[in-house]
């Protein structure tokens, strides 16, 4: 009888643990933020990690806000400036 209780307890533990071990899909990033960052990376034609004023002209929205987003007035937008600008607009 004692062995039967141990087997039943083990079966219960294994059943419960498999219920918690299910694979749930990872949440997808919001389309709004991921689409924008993908678009901005495509704008960086020369691959220097920032977007120049000329490169920004390919995106009318970004071009219109370029001066506002270029907080250090360097003539190019860094990823930090883009992130800060995106968080303001949301």
PDB file of N, CA and C in Angstrom:
ATOM      1  N   UNK A   1       0.819  -1.184   0.000  1.00  0.00           N
ATOM      2  CA  UNK A   1       0.000   0.000   0.000  1.00  0.00           C
ATOM      3  C   UNK A   1       0.874   1.264   0.000  1.00  0.00           C
ATOM      4  N   UNK A   2       1.972   1.225   0.776  1.00  0.00           N
ATOM      5  CA  UNK A   2       2.873   2.357   0.867  1.00  0.00           C
ATOM      6  C   UNK A   2       3.508   2.650  -0.498  1.00  0.00           C
ATOM      7  N   UNK A   3       3.859   1.634  -1.236  1.00  0.00           N
ATOM      8  CA  UNK A   3       4.457   1.797  -2.560  1.00  0.00           C
ATOM      9  C   UNK A   3       3.440   2.400  -3.529  1.00  0.00           C
ATOM     10  N   UNK A   4       2.188   2.014  -3.410  1.00  0.00           N
ATOM     11  CA  UNK A   4       1.135   2.537  -4.273  1.00  0.00           C
ATOM     12  C   UNK A   4       0.956   4.049  -4.044  1.00  0.00           C
ATOM     13  N   UNK A   5       1.028   4.483  -2.809  1.00  0.00           N
ATOM     14  CA  UNK A   5       0.898   5.911  -2.490  1.00  0.00           C
ATOM     15  C   UNK A   5       2.080   6.685  -3.069  1.00  0.00           C
ATOM     16  N   UNK A   6       3.286   6.120  -2.978  1.00  0.00           N
ATOM     17  CA  UNK A   6       4.466   6.785  -3.531  1.00  0.00           C
ATOM     18  C   UNK A   6       4.371   6.925  -5.042  1.00  0.00           C
ATOM     19  N   UNK A   7       3.900   5.889  -5.708  1.00  0.00           N
ATOM     20  CA  UNK A   7       3.748   5.917  -7.165  1.00  0.00           C
ATOM     21  C   UNK A   7       2.690   6.941  -7.559  1.00  0.00           C
ATOM     22  N   UNK A   8       1.588   6.972  -6.835  1.00  0.00           N
ATOM     23  CA  UNK A   8       0.525   7.935  -7.142  1.00  0.00           C
ATOM     24  C   UNK A   8       1.012   9.364  -6.920  1.00  0.00           C
ATOM     25  N   UNK A   9       1.778   9.599  -5.856  1.00  0.00           N
ATOM     26  CA  UNK A   9       2.308  10.935  -5.586  1.00  0.00           C
ATOM     27  C   UNK A   9       3.291  11.346  -6.673  1.00  0.00           C
ATOM     28  N   UNK A  10       4.143  10.426  -7.094  1.00  0.00           N
ATOM     29  CA  UNK A  10       5.102  10.710  -8.160  1.00  0.00           C
ATOM     30  C   UNK A  10       4.382  11.039  -9.467  1.00  0.00           C
ATOM     31  N   UNK A  11       3.351  10.285  -9.772  1.00  0.00           N
ATOM     32  CA  UNK A  11       2.568  10.532 -10.990  1.00  0.00           C
ATOM     33  C   UNK A  11       1.918  11.908 -10.942  1.00  0.00           C
ATOM     34  N   UNK A  12       1.415  12.274  -9.765  1.00  0.00           N
ATOM     35  CA  UNK A  12       0.783  13.586  -9.621  1.00  0.00           C
ATOM     36  C   UNK A  12       1.804  14.709  -9.815  1.00  0.00           C
ATOM     37  N   UNK A  13       2.973  14.558  -9.241  1.00  0.00           N
ATOM     38  CA  UNK A  13       4.020  15.571  -9.378  1.00  0.00           C
ATOM     39  C   UNK A  13       4.447  15.714 -10.832  1.00  0.00           C
ATOM     40  N   UNK A  14       4.635  14.603 -11.518  1.00  0.00           N
ATOM     41  CA  UNK A  14       5.047  14.655 -12.919  1.00  0.00           C
ATOM     42  C   UNK A  14       3.962  15.260 -13.802  1.00  0.00           C
ATOM     43  N   UNK A  15       2.733  14.995 -13.514  1.00  0.00           N
ATOM     44  CA  UNK A  15       1.627  15.539 -14.300  1.00  0.00           C
ATOM     45  C   UNK A  15       1.537  17.051 -14.128  1.00  0.00           C
ATOM     46  N   UNK A  16       1.661  17.511 -12.908  1.00  0.00           N
ATOM     47  CA  UNK A  16       1.582  18.941 -12.645  1.00  0.00           C
ATOM     48  C   UNK A  16       2.755  19.669 -13.280  1.00  0.00           C
ATOM     49  N   UNK A  17       3.944  19.129 -13.183  1.00  0.00           N
ATOM     50  CA  UNK A  17       5.115  19.816 -13.741  1.00  0.00           C
ATOM     51  C   UNK A  17       5.046  19.914 -15.257  1.00  0.00           C
ATOM     52  N   UNK A  18       4.494  18.912 -15.924  1.00  0.00           N
ATOM     53  CA  UNK A  18       4.375  18.995 -17.384  1.00  0.00           C
ATOM     54  C   UNK A  18       3.326  20.023 -17.788  1.00  0.00           C
ATOM     55  N   UNK A  19       2.336  20.245 -16.951  1.00  0.00           N
ATOM     56  CA  UNK A  19       1.341  21.264 -17.260  1.00  0.00           C
ATOM     57  C   UNK A  19       1.976  22.644 -17.264  1.00  0.00           C
ATOM     58  N   UNK A  20       2.948  22.877 -16.388  1.00  0.00           N
ATOM     59  CA  UNK A  20       3.614  24.170 -16.323  1.00  0.00           C
ATOM     60  C   UNK A  20       4.743  24.300 -17.345  1.00  0.00           C
ATOM     61  N   UNK A  21       5.136  23.231 -17.965  1.00  0.00           N
ATOM     62  CA  UNK A  21       6.263  23.257 -18.895  1.00  0.00           C
ATOM     63  C   UNK A  21       5.830  23.434 -20.342  1.00  0.00           C
ATOM     64  N   UNK A  22       4.605  23.839 -20.582  1.00  0.00           N
ATOM     65  CA  UNK A  22       4.136  24.012 -21.949  1.00  0.00           C
ATOM     66  C   UNK A  22       4.847  25.185 -22.598  1.00  0.00           C
ATOM     67  N   UNK A  23       5.060  25.056 -23.891  1.00  0.00           N
ATOM     68  CA  UNK A  23       5.709  26.126 -24.647  1.00  0.00           C
ATOM     69  C   UNK A  23       4.652  27.117 -25.124  1.00  0.00           C
ATOM     70  N   UNK A  24       4.738  28.317 -24.637  1.00  0.00           N
ATOM     71  CA  UNK A  24       3.855  29.380 -25.092  1.00  0.00           C
ATOM     72  C   UNK A  24       4.645  30.262 -26.042  1.00  0.00           C
ATOM     73  N   UNK A  25       4.003  30.733 -27.108  1.00  0.00           N
ATOM     74  CA  UNK A  25       4.743  31.579 -28.047  1.00  0.00           C
ATOM     75  C   UNK A  25       5.150  32.890 -27.385  1.00  0.00           C
ATOM     76  N   UNK A  26       6.315  33.367 -27.759  1.00  0.00           N
ATOM     77  CA  UNK A  26       6.790  34.637 -27.226  1.00  0.00           C
ATOM     78  C   UNK A  26       5.911  35.754 -27.769  1.00  0.00           C
ATOM     79  N   UNK A  27       5.645  36.756 -26.972  1.00  0.00           N
ATOM     80  CA  UNK A  27       4.818  37.855 -27.481  1.00  0.00           C
ATOM     81  C   UNK A  27       5.536  38.580 -28.606  1.00  0.00           C
ATOM     82  N   UNK A  28       4.772  38.931 -29.619  1.00  0.00           N
ATOM     83  CA  UNK A  28       5.360  39.639 -30.750  1.00  0.00           C
ATOM     84  C   UNK A  28       5.533  41.104 -30.376  1.00  0.00           C
ATOM     85  N   UNK A  29       6.628  41.705 -30.806  1.00  0.00           N
ATOM     86  CA  UNK A  29       6.793  43.131 -30.519  1.00  0.00           C
ATOM     87  C   UNK A  29       5.721  43.918 -31.244  1.00  0.00           C
ATOM     88  N   UNK A  30       5.365  45.034 -30.704  1.00  0.00           N
ATOM     89  CA  UNK A  30       4.320  45.828 -31.339  1.00  0.00           C
ATOM     90  C   UNK A  30       4.791  46.251 -32.721  1.00  0.00           C
ATOM     91  N   UNK A  31       3.893  46.176 -33.655  1.00  0.00           N
ATOM     92  CA  UNK A  31       4.238  46.485 -35.041  1.00  0.00           C
ATOM     93  C   UNK A  31       4.692  47.930 -35.185  1.00  0.00           C
ATOM     94  N   UNK A  32       4.113  48.802 -34.379  1.00  0.00           N
ATOM     95  CA  UNK A  32       4.429  50.223 -34.476  1.00  0.00           C
ATOM     96  C   UNK A  32       5.914  50.487 -34.238  1.00  0.00           C
ATOM     97  N   UNK A  33       6.461  49.966 -33.159  1.00  0.00           N
ATOM     98  CA  UNK A  33       7.859  50.246 -32.851  1.00  0.00           C
ATOM     99  C   UNK A  33       8.818  49.458 -33.729  1.00  0.00           C
ATOM    100  N   UNK A  34       8.519  48.198 -34.013  1.00  0.00           N
ATOM    101  CA  UNK A  34       9.456  47.409 -34.805  1.00  0.00           C
ATOM    102  C   UNK A  34       9.483  47.855 -36.258  1.00  0.00           C
ATOM    103  N   UNK A  35       8.334  48.264 -36.812  1.00  0.00           N
ATOM    104  CA  UNK A  35       8.321  48.734 -38.190  1.00  0.00           C
ATOM    105  C   UNK A  35       9.132  50.009 -38.337  1.00  0.00           C
ATOM    106  N   UNK A  36       8.999  50.910 -37.369  1.00  0.00           N
ATOM    107  CA  UNK A  36       9.732  52.169 -37.445  1.00  0.00           C
ATOM    108  C   UNK A  36      11.233  51.940 -37.369  1.00  0.00           C
ATOM    109  N   UNK A  37      11.684  51.116 -36.429  1.00  0.00           N
ATOM    110  CA  UNK A  37      13.122  50.897 -36.304  1.00  0.00           C
ATOM    111  C   UNK A  37      13.672  50.197 -37.535  1.00  0.00           C
ATOM    112  N   UNK A  38      12.884  49.312 -38.136  1.00  0.00           N
ATOM    113  CA  UNK A  38      13.326  48.645 -39.355  1.00  0.00           C
ATOM    114  C   UNK A  38      13.445  49.657 -40.485  1.00  0.00           C
ATOM    115  N   UNK A  39      12.482  50.581 -40.592  1.00  0.00           N
ATOM    116  CA  UNK A  39      12.525  51.605 -41.626  1.00  0.00           C
ATOM    117  C   UNK A  39      13.736  52.505 -41.432  1.00  0.00           C
ATOM    118  N   UNK A  40      14.009  52.878 -40.191  1.00  0.00           N
ATOM    119  CA  UNK A  40      15.131  53.763 -39.932  1.00  0.00           C
ATOM    120  C   UNK A  40      16.460  53.091 -40.256  1.00  0.00           C
ATOM    121  N   UNK A  41      16.581  51.807 -39.984  1.00  0.00           N
ATOM    122  CA  UNK A  41      17.833  51.129 -40.309  1.00  0.00           C
ATOM    123  C   UNK A  41      18.033  51.060 -41.820  1.00  0.00           C
ATOM    124  N   UNK A  42      16.946  50.993 -42.566  1.00  0.00           N
ATOM    125  CA  UNK A  42      17.057  50.986 -44.027  1.00  0.00           C
ATOM    126  C   UNK A  42      17.478  52.355 -44.558  1.00  0.00           C
ATOM    127  N   UNK A  43      17.164  53.395 -43.803  1.00  0.00           N
ATOM    128  CA  UNK A  43      17.532  54.740 -44.241  1.00  0.00           C
ATOM    129  C   UNK A  43      19.025  55.001 -44.112  1.00  0.00           C
ATOM    130  N   UNK A  44      19.698  54.289 -43.232  1.00  0.00           N
ATOM    131  CA  UNK A  44      21.128  54.475 -43.005  1.00  0.00           C
ATOM    132  C   UNK A  44      21.908  53.829 -44.150  1.00  0.00           C
ATOM    133  N   UNK A  45      21.932  54.506 -45.270  1.00  0.00           N
ATOM    134  CA  UNK A  45      22.513  53.967 -46.505  1.00  0.00           C
ATOM    135  C   UNK A  45      24.003  53.691 -46.371  1.00  0.00           C
ATOM    136  N   UNK A  46      24.740  54.598 -45.739  1.00  0.00           N
ATOM    137  CA  UNK A  46      26.188  54.418 -45.650  1.00  0.00           C
ATOM    138  C   UNK A  46      26.605  53.535 -44.478  1.00  0.00           C
ATOM    139  N   UNK A  47      25.659  53.103 -43.653  1.00  0.00           N
ATOM    140  CA  UNK A  47      25.946  52.154 -42.581  1.00  0.00           C
ATOM    141  C   UNK A  47      26.775  52.702 -41.433  1.00  0.00           C
ATOM    142  N   UNK A  48      26.728  54.017 -41.217  1.00  0.00           N
ATOM    143  CA  UNK A  48      27.528  54.596 -40.133  1.00  0.00           C
ATOM    144  C   UNK A  48      26.821  54.591 -38.776  1.00  0.00           C
ATOM    145  N   UNK A  49      25.611  54.069 -38.719  1.00  0.00           N
ATOM    146  CA  UNK A  49      24.887  53.983 -37.447  1.00  0.00           C
ATOM    147  C   UNK A  49      24.064  55.204 -37.109  1.00  0.00           C
ATOM    148  N   UNK A  50      24.048  56.179 -37.992  1.00  0.00           N
ATOM    149  CA  UNK A  50      23.215  57.357 -37.783  1.00  0.00           C
ATOM    150  C   UNK A  50      22.582  57.745 -39.116  1.00  0.00           C
ATOM    151  N   UNK A  51      21.569  58.587 -39.027  1.00  0.00           N
ATOM    152  CA  UNK A  51      20.843  58.999 -40.231  1.00  0.00           C
ATOM    153  C   UNK A  51      21.127  60.478 -40.483  1.00  0.00           C
ATOM    154  N   UNK A  52      21.728  60.745 -41.628  1.00  0.00           N
ATOM    155  CA  UNK A  52      22.031  62.134 -41.989  1.00  0.00           C
ATOM    156  C   UNK A  52      20.765  62.813 -42.498  1.00  0.00           C
ATOM    157  N   UNK A  53      20.849  64.114 -42.655  1.00  0.00           N
ATOM    158  CA  UNK A  53      19.709  64.882 -43.160  1.00  0.00           C
ATOM    159  C   UNK A  53      19.333  64.416 -44.570  1.00  0.00           C
ATOM    160  N   UNK A  54      20.340  64.127 -45.392  1.00  0.00           N
ATOM    161  CA  UNK A  54      20.074  63.641 -46.748  1.00  0.00           C
ATOM    162  C   UNK A  54      19.405  62.265 -46.720  1.00  0.00           C
ATOM    163  N   UNK A  55      19.871  61.386 -45.838  1.00  0.00           N
ATOM    164  CA  UNK A  55      19.263  60.053 -45.725  1.00  0.00           C
ATOM    165  C   UNK A  55      17.826  60.155 -45.214  1.00  0.00           C
ATOM    166  N   UNK A  56      17.560  61.111 -44.334  1.00  0.00           N
ATOM    167  CA  UNK A  56      16.219  61.275 -43.763  1.00  0.00           C
ATOM    168  C   UNK A  56      15.209  61.764 -44.790  1.00  0.00           C
ATOM    169  N   UNK A  57      15.678  62.353 -45.871  1.00  0.00           N
ATOM    170  CA  UNK A  57      14.766  62.868 -46.896  1.00  0.00           C
ATOM    171  C   UNK A  57      13.922  61.764 -47.534  1.00  0.00           C
ATOM    172  N   UNK A  58      14.349  60.519 -47.409  1.00  0.00           N
ATOM    173  CA  UNK A  58      13.601  59.396 -47.978  1.00  0.00           C
ATOM    174  C   UNK A  58      12.323  59.112 -47.184  1.00  0.00           C
ATOM    175  N   UNK A  59      12.230  59.624 -45.955  1.00  0.00           N
ATOM    176  CA  UNK A  59      11.055  59.449 -45.102  1.00  0.00           C
ATOM    177  C   UNK A  59      10.494  60.837 -44.796  1.00  0.00           C
ATOM    178  N   UNK A  60       9.373  61.209 -45.430  1.00  0.00           N
ATOM    179  CA  UNK A  60       8.838  62.561 -45.257  1.00  0.00           C
ATOM    180  C   UNK A  60       8.548  62.937 -43.796  1.00  0.00           C
ATOM    181  N   UNK A  61       8.066  62.000 -43.007  1.00  0.00           N
ATOM    182  CA  UNK A  61       7.767  62.275 -41.601  1.00  0.00           C
ATOM    183  C   UNK A  61       9.049  62.556 -40.824  1.00  0.00           C
ATOM    184  N   UNK A  62      10.053  61.713 -41.028  1.00  0.00           N
ATOM    185  CA  UNK A  62      11.324  61.896 -40.344  1.00  0.00           C
ATOM    186  C   UNK A  62      12.003  63.187 -40.802  1.00  0.00           C
ATOM    187  N   UNK A  63      11.939  63.460 -42.073  1.00  0.00           N
ATOM    188  CA  UNK A  63      12.550  64.664 -42.614  1.00  0.00           C
ATOM    189  C   UNK A  63      11.920  65.920 -42.009  1.00  0.00           C
ATOM    190  N   UNK A  64      10.599  65.903 -41.835  1.00  0.00           N
ATOM    191  CA  UNK A  64       9.897  67.058 -41.270  1.00  0.00           C
ATOM    192  C   UNK A  64      10.271  67.294 -39.806  1.00  0.00           C
ATOM    193  N   UNK A  65      10.585  66.229 -39.079  1.00  0.00           N
ATOM    194  CA  UNK A  65      10.916  66.339 -37.657  1.00  0.00           C
ATOM    195  C   UNK A  65      12.419  66.302 -37.393  1.00  0.00           C
ATOM    196  N   UNK A  66      13.213  66.298 -38.441  1.00  0.00           N
ATOM    197  CA  UNK A  66      14.659  66.106 -38.282  1.00  0.00           C
ATOM    198  C   UNK A  66      15.284  67.102 -37.314  1.00  0.00           C
ATOM    199  N   UNK A  67      15.020  68.381 -37.507  1.00  0.00           N
ATOM    200  CA  UNK A  67      15.635  69.417 -36.658  1.00  0.00           C
ATOM    201  C   UNK A  67      15.227  69.253 -35.193  1.00  0.00           C
ATOM    202  N   UNK A  68      13.977  68.876 -34.972  1.00  0.00           N
ATOM    203  CA  UNK A  68      13.484  68.660 -33.603  1.00  0.00           C
ATOM    204  C   UNK A  68      14.157  67.449 -32.962  1.00  0.00           C
ATOM    205  N   UNK A  69      14.354  66.381 -33.734  1.00  0.00           N
ATOM    206  CA  UNK A  69      14.943  65.151 -33.208  1.00  0.00           C
ATOM    207  C   UNK A  69      16.459  65.250 -33.021  1.00  0.00           C
ATOM    208  N   UNK A  70      17.105  66.066 -33.827  1.00  0.00           N
ATOM    209  CA  UNK A  70      18.568  66.220 -33.753  1.00  0.00           C
ATOM    210  C   UNK A  70      18.912  67.138 -32.578  1.00  0.00           C
ATOM    211  N   UNK A  71      18.804  66.599 -31.382  1.00  0.00           N
ATOM    212  CA  UNK A  71      18.951  67.406 -30.168  1.00  0.00           C
ATOM    213  C   UNK A  71      20.364  67.938 -29.966  1.00  0.00           C
ATOM    214  N   UNK A  72      21.372  67.227 -30.443  1.00  0.00           N
ATOM    215  CA  UNK A  72      22.746  67.726 -30.284  1.00  0.00           C
ATOM    216  C   UNK A  72      23.199  68.581 -31.476  1.00  0.00           C
ATOM    217  N   UNK A  73      22.296  68.767 -32.436  1.00  0.00           N
ATOM    218  CA  UNK A  73      22.544  69.600 -33.621  1.00  0.00           C
ATOM    219  C   UNK A  73      23.803  69.203 -34.378  1.00  0.00           C
ATOM    220  N   UNK A  74      24.012  67.882 -34.473  1.00  0.00           N
ATOM    221  CA  UNK A  74      25.187  67.359 -35.170  1.00  0.00           C
ATOM    222  C   UNK A  74      24.953  67.183 -36.665  1.00  0.00           C
ATOM    223  N   UNK A  75      23.697  67.299 -37.099  1.00  0.00           N
ATOM    224  CA  UNK A  75      23.391  67.091 -38.509  1.00  0.00           C
ATOM    225  C   UNK A  75      23.069  65.653 -38.838  1.00  0.00           C
ATOM    226  N   UNK A  76      23.059  64.791 -37.806  1.00  0.00           N
ATOM    227  CA  UNK A  76      22.664  63.398 -38.011  1.00  0.00           C
ATOM    228  C   UNK A  76      21.905  62.916 -36.777  1.00  0.00           C
ATOM    229  N   UNK A  77      21.074  61.891 -36.983  1.00  0.00           N
ATOM    230  CA  UNK A  77      20.280  61.332 -35.896  1.00  0.00           C
ATOM    231  C   UNK A  77      20.883  60.022 -35.429  1.00  0.00           C
ATOM    232  N   UNK A  78      21.182  59.943 -34.150  1.00  0.00           N
ATOM    233  CA  UNK A  78      21.688  58.698 -33.571  1.00  0.00           C
ATOM    234  C   UNK A  78      20.500  57.837 -33.155  1.00  0.00           C
ATOM    235  N   UNK A  79      20.765  56.600 -32.818  1.00  0.00           N
ATOM    236  CA  UNK A  79      19.685  55.722 -32.349  1.00  0.00           C
ATOM    237  C   UNK A  79      19.095  56.251 -31.046  1.00  0.00           C
ATOM    238  N   UNK A  80      19.909  56.880 -30.209  1.00  0.00           N
ATOM    239  CA  UNK A  80      19.400  57.453 -28.955  1.00  0.00           C
ATOM    240  C   UNK A  80      18.429  58.595 -29.245  1.00  0.00           C
ATOM    241  N   UNK A  81      18.772  59.435 -30.207  1.00  0.00           N
ATOM    242  CA  UNK A  81      17.875  60.541 -30.571  1.00  0.00           C
ATOM    243  C   UNK A  81      16.581  60.018 -31.183  1.00  0.00           C
ATOM    244  N   UNK A  82      16.693  58.985 -32.008  1.00  0.00           N
ATOM    245  CA  UNK A  82      15.500  58.397 -32.601  1.00  0.00           C
ATOM    246  C   UNK A  82      14.610  57.763 -31.531  1.00  0.00           C
ATOM    247  N   UNK A  83      15.217  57.044 -30.614  1.00  0.00           N
ATOM    248  CA  UNK A  83      14.452  56.408 -29.532  1.00  0.00           C
ATOM    249  C   UNK A  83      13.753  57.451 -28.684  1.00  0.00           C
ATOM    250  N   UNK A  84      14.466  58.514 -28.343  1.00  0.00           N
ATOM    251  CA  UNK A  84      13.860  59.573 -27.542  1.00  0.00           C
ATOM    252  C   UNK A  84      12.705  60.223 -28.282  1.00  0.00           C
ATOM    253  N   UNK A  85      12.876  60.436 -29.559  1.00  0.00           N
ATOM    254  CA  UNK A  85      11.811  61.035 -30.371  1.00  0.00           C
ATOM    255  C   UNK A  85      10.608  60.124 -30.503  1.00  0.00           C
ATOM    256  N   UNK A  86      10.853  58.820 -30.629  1.00  0.00           N
ATOM    257  CA  UNK A  86       9.746  57.865 -30.735  1.00  0.00           C
ATOM    258  C   UNK A  86       8.980  57.780 -29.428  1.00  0.00           C
ATOM    259  N   UNK A  87       9.684  57.837 -28.303  1.00  0.00           N
ATOM    260  CA  UNK A  87       8.994  57.741 -27.021  1.00  0.00           C
ATOM    261  C   UNK A  87       8.163  58.989 -26.758  1.00  0.00           C
ATOM    262  N   UNK A  88       8.590  60.140 -27.261  1.00  0.00           N
ATOM    263  CA  UNK A  88       7.802  61.364 -27.129  1.00  0.00           C
ATOM    264  C   UNK A  88       6.522  61.287 -27.936  1.00  0.00           C
ATOM    265  N   UNK A  89       6.601  60.682 -29.118  1.00  0.00           N
ATOM    266  CA  UNK A  89       5.436  60.643 -30.018  1.00  0.00           C
ATOM    267  C   UNK A  89       4.402  59.614 -29.590  1.00  0.00           C
ATOM    268  N   UNK A  90       4.768  58.685 -28.716  1.00  0.00           N
ATOM    269  CA  UNK A  90       3.818  57.647 -28.303  1.00  0.00           C
ATOM    270  C   UNK A  90       3.029  58.071 -27.166  1.00  0.00           C
TER     271      UNK A  90
END
